[in-house]
Every structure is written in C-alpha cells, then in structure tokens.
N, C-alpha and C. Protein backbone atom coordinates (compact mmCIF):
# COMPACT_ATOMS: atom_id res chain seq x y z
N MET A 1 -161.12 -70.27 -80.88
CA MET A 1 -160.10 -70.86 -81.71
C MET A 1 -159.36 -71.92 -80.89
N ALA A 2 -159.21 -73.10 -81.46
CA ALA A 2 -158.52 -74.19 -80.77
C ALA A 2 -157.02 -73.93 -80.79
N LYS A 3 -156.37 -74.33 -79.71
CA LYS A 3 -154.92 -74.15 -79.67
C LYS A 3 -154.27 -75.21 -80.55
N GLU A 4 -153.10 -74.88 -81.07
CA GLU A 4 -152.38 -75.81 -81.92
C GLU A 4 -151.84 -76.95 -81.07
N ARG A 5 -151.95 -78.15 -81.59
CA ARG A 5 -151.51 -79.32 -80.83
C ARG A 5 -150.52 -80.13 -81.66
N GLY A 6 -149.76 -80.96 -80.92
CA GLY A 6 -148.84 -81.88 -81.60
C GLY A 6 -147.65 -81.12 -82.14
N PRO A 7 -146.72 -81.81 -82.75
CA PRO A 7 -146.70 -83.27 -82.85
C PRO A 7 -146.44 -83.89 -81.48
N TYR A 8 -147.02 -85.05 -81.28
CA TYR A 8 -146.89 -85.75 -80.00
C TYR A 8 -145.72 -86.72 -80.05
N SER A 9 -145.08 -86.89 -78.91
CA SER A 9 -143.94 -87.80 -78.84
C SER A 9 -144.37 -89.25 -78.66
N CYS A 10 -145.60 -89.45 -78.14
CA CYS A 10 -146.13 -90.80 -77.95
C CYS A 10 -147.63 -90.71 -77.67
N GLY A 11 -148.27 -91.86 -77.58
CA GLY A 11 -149.70 -91.88 -77.32
C GLY A 11 -150.08 -91.27 -75.99
N LEU A 12 -149.26 -91.48 -74.98
CA LEU A 12 -149.54 -90.91 -73.66
C LEU A 12 -149.52 -89.39 -73.73
N ASP A 13 -148.60 -88.83 -74.50
CA ASP A 13 -148.52 -87.39 -74.69
C ASP A 13 -149.83 -86.86 -75.28
N ALA A 14 -150.37 -87.53 -76.28
CA ALA A 14 -151.63 -87.12 -76.90
C ALA A 14 -152.80 -87.23 -75.93
N ALA A 15 -152.85 -88.34 -75.18
CA ALA A 15 -153.95 -88.55 -74.24
C ALA A 15 -153.92 -87.53 -73.11
N VAL A 16 -152.75 -87.28 -72.56
CA VAL A 16 -152.62 -86.31 -71.46
C VAL A 16 -152.97 -84.91 -71.95
N ASP A 17 -152.71 -84.62 -73.20
CA ASP A 17 -153.08 -83.31 -73.75
C ASP A 17 -154.59 -83.11 -73.69
N LEU A 18 -155.36 -84.18 -73.89
CA LEU A 18 -156.82 -84.07 -73.86
C LEU A 18 -157.38 -83.95 -72.45
N VAL A 19 -156.72 -84.54 -71.47
CA VAL A 19 -157.25 -84.51 -70.10
C VAL A 19 -156.36 -83.74 -69.15
N GLY A 20 -155.46 -82.93 -69.70
CA GLY A 20 -154.54 -82.16 -68.87
C GLY A 20 -155.26 -81.23 -67.92
N GLY A 21 -154.66 -81.00 -66.79
CA GLY A 21 -155.26 -80.15 -65.77
C GLY A 21 -156.09 -80.97 -64.80
N LYS A 22 -156.58 -80.31 -63.79
CA LYS A 22 -157.31 -81.00 -62.73
C LYS A 22 -158.72 -81.40 -63.11
N TRP A 23 -159.41 -80.59 -63.89
CA TRP A 23 -160.85 -80.75 -64.02
C TRP A 23 -161.32 -81.64 -65.16
N LYS A 24 -160.60 -81.74 -66.25
CA LYS A 24 -161.10 -82.48 -67.41
C LYS A 24 -161.35 -83.96 -67.10
N ALA A 25 -160.42 -84.60 -66.44
CA ALA A 25 -160.61 -86.02 -66.10
C ALA A 25 -161.80 -86.17 -65.15
N LEU A 26 -161.96 -85.24 -64.22
CA LEU A 26 -163.07 -85.31 -63.28
C LEU A 26 -164.41 -85.05 -63.97
N ILE A 27 -164.42 -84.18 -64.95
CA ILE A 27 -165.64 -83.94 -65.73
C ILE A 27 -166.00 -85.21 -66.51
N LEU A 28 -165.00 -85.82 -67.15
CA LEU A 28 -165.24 -87.08 -67.86
C LEU A 28 -165.81 -88.13 -66.92
N TRP A 29 -165.23 -88.23 -65.75
CA TRP A 29 -165.65 -89.21 -64.75
C TRP A 29 -167.11 -88.97 -64.35
N GLU A 30 -167.46 -87.73 -64.15
CA GLU A 30 -168.82 -87.38 -63.74
C GLU A 30 -169.82 -87.64 -64.85
N LEU A 31 -169.45 -87.34 -66.09
CA LEU A 31 -170.36 -87.55 -67.21
C LEU A 31 -170.55 -89.02 -67.55
N HIS A 32 -169.67 -89.86 -67.00
CA HIS A 32 -169.82 -91.31 -67.21
C HIS A 32 -171.17 -91.79 -66.67
N ALA A 33 -171.68 -91.12 -65.66
CA ALA A 33 -172.97 -91.50 -65.05
C ALA A 33 -174.15 -91.13 -65.94
N GLY A 34 -173.93 -90.29 -66.95
CA GLY A 34 -175.01 -89.91 -67.85
C GLY A 34 -175.04 -88.42 -68.12
N VAL A 35 -176.13 -88.00 -68.74
CA VAL A 35 -176.32 -86.60 -69.14
C VAL A 35 -176.43 -85.73 -67.89
N HIS A 36 -175.75 -84.56 -67.94
CA HIS A 36 -175.80 -83.60 -66.84
C HIS A 36 -176.04 -82.21 -67.38
N ARG A 37 -176.79 -81.45 -66.63
CA ARG A 37 -176.90 -80.02 -66.91
C ARG A 37 -175.71 -79.32 -66.25
N PHE A 38 -175.46 -78.09 -66.66
CA PHE A 38 -174.30 -77.36 -66.16
C PHE A 38 -174.31 -77.27 -64.64
N ALA A 39 -175.44 -76.89 -64.05
CA ALA A 39 -175.52 -76.72 -62.59
C ALA A 39 -175.25 -78.04 -61.87
N GLU A 40 -175.69 -79.14 -62.44
CA GLU A 40 -175.44 -80.45 -61.82
C GLU A 40 -173.95 -80.75 -61.82
N LEU A 41 -173.28 -80.47 -62.94
CA LEU A 41 -171.84 -80.68 -63.00
C LEU A 41 -171.12 -79.81 -61.98
N ARG A 42 -171.52 -78.57 -61.89
CA ARG A 42 -170.86 -77.64 -60.96
C ARG A 42 -171.01 -78.12 -59.52
N ARG A 43 -172.21 -78.59 -59.16
CA ARG A 43 -172.44 -79.10 -57.79
C ARG A 43 -171.63 -80.37 -57.52
N SER A 44 -171.44 -81.19 -58.53
CA SER A 44 -170.75 -82.46 -58.33
C SER A 44 -169.23 -82.31 -58.34
N LEU A 45 -168.74 -81.13 -58.68
CA LEU A 45 -167.30 -80.87 -58.73
C LEU A 45 -166.97 -79.69 -57.82
N PRO A 46 -167.01 -79.90 -56.51
CA PRO A 46 -166.74 -78.78 -55.59
C PRO A 46 -165.34 -78.22 -55.82
N GLY A 47 -165.27 -76.92 -55.84
CA GLY A 47 -163.98 -76.25 -56.01
C GLY A 47 -163.77 -75.69 -57.40
N VAL A 48 -164.52 -76.16 -58.38
CA VAL A 48 -164.35 -75.62 -59.73
C VAL A 48 -165.17 -74.33 -59.86
N SER A 49 -164.57 -73.31 -60.45
CA SER A 49 -165.31 -72.06 -60.67
C SER A 49 -166.16 -72.20 -61.92
N GLU A 50 -167.17 -71.37 -62.01
CA GLU A 50 -168.05 -71.39 -63.19
C GLU A 50 -167.24 -71.11 -64.45
N LYS A 51 -166.35 -70.13 -64.38
CA LYS A 51 -165.53 -69.76 -65.54
C LYS A 51 -164.68 -70.94 -66.02
N VAL A 52 -164.02 -71.61 -65.10
CA VAL A 52 -163.14 -72.72 -65.46
C VAL A 52 -163.96 -73.89 -66.01
N LEU A 53 -165.10 -74.18 -65.39
CA LEU A 53 -165.94 -75.28 -65.87
C LEU A 53 -166.42 -75.00 -67.30
N ILE A 54 -166.85 -73.79 -67.56
CA ILE A 54 -167.28 -73.42 -68.92
C ILE A 54 -166.12 -73.59 -69.90
N GLN A 55 -164.95 -73.10 -69.53
CA GLN A 55 -163.76 -73.19 -70.40
C GLN A 55 -163.41 -74.65 -70.68
N GLN A 56 -163.39 -75.48 -69.63
CA GLN A 56 -163.02 -76.87 -69.80
C GLN A 56 -164.04 -77.63 -70.67
N LEU A 57 -165.33 -77.36 -70.44
CA LEU A 57 -166.37 -78.00 -71.25
C LEU A 57 -166.26 -77.58 -72.72
N ARG A 58 -165.97 -76.33 -72.98
CA ARG A 58 -165.81 -75.86 -74.36
C ARG A 58 -164.62 -76.54 -75.04
N GLU A 59 -163.51 -76.65 -74.32
CA GLU A 59 -162.34 -77.33 -74.88
C GLU A 59 -162.65 -78.80 -75.15
N MET A 60 -163.34 -79.44 -74.22
CA MET A 60 -163.67 -80.85 -74.39
C MET A 60 -164.66 -81.05 -75.54
N GLU A 61 -165.56 -80.11 -75.72
CA GLU A 61 -166.49 -80.17 -76.86
C GLU A 61 -165.70 -80.00 -78.16
N SER A 62 -164.78 -79.05 -78.19
CA SER A 62 -163.95 -78.82 -79.37
C SER A 62 -163.10 -80.05 -79.70
N ASP A 63 -162.65 -80.76 -78.68
CA ASP A 63 -161.84 -81.97 -78.86
C ASP A 63 -162.67 -83.19 -79.22
N GLY A 64 -164.00 -83.05 -79.18
CA GLY A 64 -164.86 -84.16 -79.55
C GLY A 64 -165.14 -85.14 -78.43
N LEU A 65 -164.84 -84.75 -77.19
CA LEU A 65 -165.06 -85.63 -76.04
C LEU A 65 -166.46 -85.49 -75.45
N VAL A 66 -167.00 -84.27 -75.54
CA VAL A 66 -168.27 -83.95 -74.90
C VAL A 66 -169.24 -83.42 -75.97
N HIS A 67 -170.48 -83.82 -75.83
CA HIS A 67 -171.55 -83.30 -76.69
C HIS A 67 -172.37 -82.31 -75.88
N ARG A 68 -172.65 -81.16 -76.47
CA ARG A 68 -173.45 -80.12 -75.82
C ARG A 68 -174.76 -80.00 -76.58
N GLU A 69 -175.85 -80.26 -75.89
CA GLU A 69 -177.18 -80.18 -76.49
C GLU A 69 -177.91 -78.97 -75.93
N ILE A 70 -178.31 -78.07 -76.82
CA ILE A 70 -179.02 -76.86 -76.42
C ILE A 70 -180.49 -77.04 -76.77
N TYR A 71 -181.34 -76.85 -75.79
CA TYR A 71 -182.78 -76.93 -76.00
C TYR A 71 -183.33 -75.51 -76.03
N ARG A 72 -183.97 -75.17 -77.11
CA ARG A 72 -184.52 -73.82 -77.30
C ARG A 72 -185.82 -73.70 -76.54
N GLU A 73 -185.70 -73.52 -75.25
CA GLU A 73 -186.84 -73.38 -74.35
C GLU A 73 -186.68 -72.09 -73.57
N VAL A 74 -187.69 -71.74 -72.82
CA VAL A 74 -187.59 -70.60 -71.91
C VAL A 74 -187.83 -71.13 -70.50
N PRO A 75 -186.84 -71.09 -69.63
CA PRO A 75 -185.46 -70.69 -69.86
C PRO A 75 -184.71 -71.75 -70.67
N PRO A 76 -183.63 -71.34 -71.36
CA PRO A 76 -182.87 -72.30 -72.17
C PRO A 76 -182.28 -73.41 -71.30
N ARG A 77 -182.21 -74.59 -71.86
CA ARG A 77 -181.65 -75.73 -71.14
C ARG A 77 -180.49 -76.27 -71.97
N VAL A 78 -179.36 -76.53 -71.31
CA VAL A 78 -178.18 -77.09 -71.97
C VAL A 78 -177.78 -78.34 -71.21
N GLU A 79 -177.55 -79.42 -71.95
CA GLU A 79 -177.13 -80.68 -71.35
C GLU A 79 -175.83 -81.15 -71.98
N TYR A 80 -175.01 -81.78 -71.15
CA TYR A 80 -173.72 -82.29 -71.58
C TYR A 80 -173.70 -83.80 -71.43
N SER A 81 -173.09 -84.45 -72.41
CA SER A 81 -172.94 -85.90 -72.37
C SER A 81 -171.63 -86.27 -73.05
N LEU A 82 -171.19 -87.49 -72.84
CA LEU A 82 -169.97 -87.96 -73.48
C LEU A 82 -170.27 -88.43 -74.89
N THR A 83 -169.36 -88.17 -75.80
CA THR A 83 -169.41 -88.74 -77.13
C THR A 83 -168.82 -90.15 -77.04
N ASP A 84 -168.88 -90.90 -78.11
CA ASP A 84 -168.23 -92.22 -78.12
C ASP A 84 -166.73 -92.09 -77.88
N PHE A 85 -166.14 -91.03 -78.44
CA PHE A 85 -164.72 -90.75 -78.24
C PHE A 85 -164.43 -90.48 -76.76
N GLY A 86 -165.29 -89.68 -76.12
CA GLY A 86 -165.15 -89.39 -74.70
C GLY A 86 -165.34 -90.64 -73.85
N GLU A 87 -166.30 -91.49 -74.22
CA GLU A 87 -166.52 -92.76 -73.51
C GLU A 87 -165.27 -93.62 -73.58
N SER A 88 -164.65 -93.67 -74.76
CA SER A 88 -163.45 -94.51 -74.91
C SER A 88 -162.31 -93.99 -74.05
N LEU A 89 -162.17 -92.68 -73.94
CA LEU A 89 -161.13 -92.11 -73.08
C LEU A 89 -161.46 -92.38 -71.62
N ASN A 90 -162.73 -92.26 -71.26
CA ASN A 90 -163.13 -92.52 -69.88
C ASN A 90 -162.81 -93.98 -69.50
N LYS A 91 -163.05 -94.91 -70.40
CA LYS A 91 -162.72 -96.32 -70.14
C LYS A 91 -161.23 -96.50 -69.91
N ALA A 92 -160.43 -95.72 -70.63
CA ALA A 92 -158.98 -95.79 -70.44
C ALA A 92 -158.56 -95.24 -69.08
N LEU A 93 -159.37 -94.33 -68.52
CA LEU A 93 -159.07 -93.75 -67.22
C LEU A 93 -159.48 -94.64 -66.05
N LEU A 94 -160.35 -95.63 -66.31
CA LEU A 94 -160.84 -96.51 -65.23
C LEU A 94 -159.71 -97.16 -64.44
N PRO A 95 -158.69 -97.76 -65.08
CA PRO A 95 -157.59 -98.35 -64.29
C PRO A 95 -156.86 -97.31 -63.43
N LEU A 96 -156.74 -96.08 -63.93
CA LEU A 96 -156.09 -95.03 -63.15
C LEU A 96 -156.93 -94.69 -61.92
N GLY A 97 -158.26 -94.62 -62.09
CA GLY A 97 -159.15 -94.37 -60.96
C GLY A 97 -159.09 -95.50 -59.93
N ASP A 98 -159.03 -96.74 -60.41
CA ASP A 98 -158.91 -97.88 -59.51
C ASP A 98 -157.59 -97.82 -58.73
N TRP A 99 -156.52 -97.47 -59.42
CA TRP A 99 -155.22 -97.33 -58.77
C TRP A 99 -155.30 -96.25 -57.69
N GLY A 100 -155.93 -95.12 -58.01
CA GLY A 100 -156.08 -94.04 -57.04
C GLY A 100 -156.88 -94.46 -55.82
N ASP A 101 -157.96 -95.24 -56.05
CA ASP A 101 -158.75 -95.75 -54.92
C ASP A 101 -157.90 -96.64 -54.01
N ARG A 102 -157.11 -97.51 -54.61
CA ARG A 102 -156.27 -98.43 -53.82
C ARG A 102 -155.19 -97.69 -53.02
N HIS A 103 -154.72 -96.59 -53.53
CA HIS A 103 -153.58 -95.91 -52.91
C HIS A 103 -153.92 -94.53 -52.32
N MET A 104 -155.20 -94.22 -52.21
CA MET A 104 -155.61 -92.89 -51.75
C MET A 104 -155.06 -92.56 -50.35
N ALA A 105 -155.12 -93.51 -49.45
CA ALA A 105 -154.63 -93.25 -48.08
C ALA A 105 -153.15 -92.89 -48.09
N ARG A 106 -152.37 -93.63 -48.85
CA ARG A 106 -150.93 -93.36 -48.93
C ARG A 106 -150.66 -92.00 -49.57
N ILE A 107 -151.39 -91.70 -50.64
CA ILE A 107 -151.20 -90.42 -51.32
C ILE A 107 -151.55 -89.27 -50.38
N THR A 108 -152.66 -89.42 -49.68
CA THR A 108 -153.09 -88.39 -48.74
C THR A 108 -152.06 -88.20 -47.62
N ALA A 109 -151.55 -89.30 -47.10
CA ALA A 109 -150.59 -89.24 -45.99
C ALA A 109 -149.28 -88.57 -46.42
N THR A 110 -148.83 -88.86 -47.61
CA THR A 110 -147.56 -88.28 -48.05
C THR A 110 -147.69 -86.83 -48.48
N ARG A 111 -148.91 -86.39 -48.75
CA ARG A 111 -149.13 -85.01 -49.17
C ARG A 111 -149.63 -84.11 -48.06
N ARG A 112 -149.92 -84.68 -46.92
CA ARG A 112 -150.42 -83.90 -45.78
C ARG A 112 -149.29 -83.04 -45.24
N PRO A 113 -149.54 -81.75 -45.04
CA PRO A 113 -148.47 -80.88 -44.52
C PRO A 113 -148.06 -81.31 -43.11
N ALA A 114 -146.79 -81.21 -42.84
CA ALA A 114 -146.27 -81.56 -41.51
C ALA A 114 -146.79 -80.56 -40.48
N THR A 115 -147.13 -81.06 -39.31
CA THR A 115 -147.60 -80.17 -38.25
C THR A 115 -146.42 -79.64 -37.46
N ALA A 116 -146.56 -78.41 -37.01
CA ALA A 116 -145.49 -77.78 -36.23
C ALA A 116 -145.48 -78.35 -34.82
N SER A 117 -144.30 -78.58 -34.26
CA SER A 117 -144.20 -79.12 -32.90
C SER A 117 -143.96 -78.04 -31.92
C-alpha cells in the first residue's frame, strides 16, 4: 500500500518526496546508464542492504519512476529501467550532481571528523 502524500507546499516539496532518503537519487543515477538487474544495482551501490534496495525499488516503481520487467525463465530474471517520468526526474538531478562534483572536496573537508591531538 502506498503511503499518503501531499498536499505539497511547492514543487520542490513534491520532488524531494520522490527522491527522499539516501538511495533513491543514487538508484536513479545508476539506472540512467541503462537497464540493470538487481544484483548489478546492488554491486554498484556499496553500502545499501538488499532489504533497503528492494524497498526503495518498490516505492520507485509505485511512484512511476522505475519499470520492473519480470522474465518468466528458470531462474527468473528481473530487470529495472527508468520510465520517461524517471528520466525526466533524473535530468532535473543532473545540475545537482554537477554541483556536488564541483564542491565535493569542500563538502568532504567540512564533514571530516576532527582528529584528536
């Protein structure tokens, strides 16, 4: 069952609701390269647990961002890809990714824990 959403206070509120949390934006970013199987996504996103990745993919599928294709084979094969809606959101994230690339050193430096003297 999908969680109840809205009303939103602005467009940014609605967009952040779709990519909230650490993993959804990274999943979108990874799927930008093309179709991925579950294991490929898991390997490309170090630190995400299987449970969380499944949960995030299901939410993104429910939101219409990700398409899940199930192939009735033995063993079963499942592939994930972006929908047109997901592609459009990913394009909106490109400037944010560029900003992060430009400022990564500063962000890392300010977030690094202080060393004890």
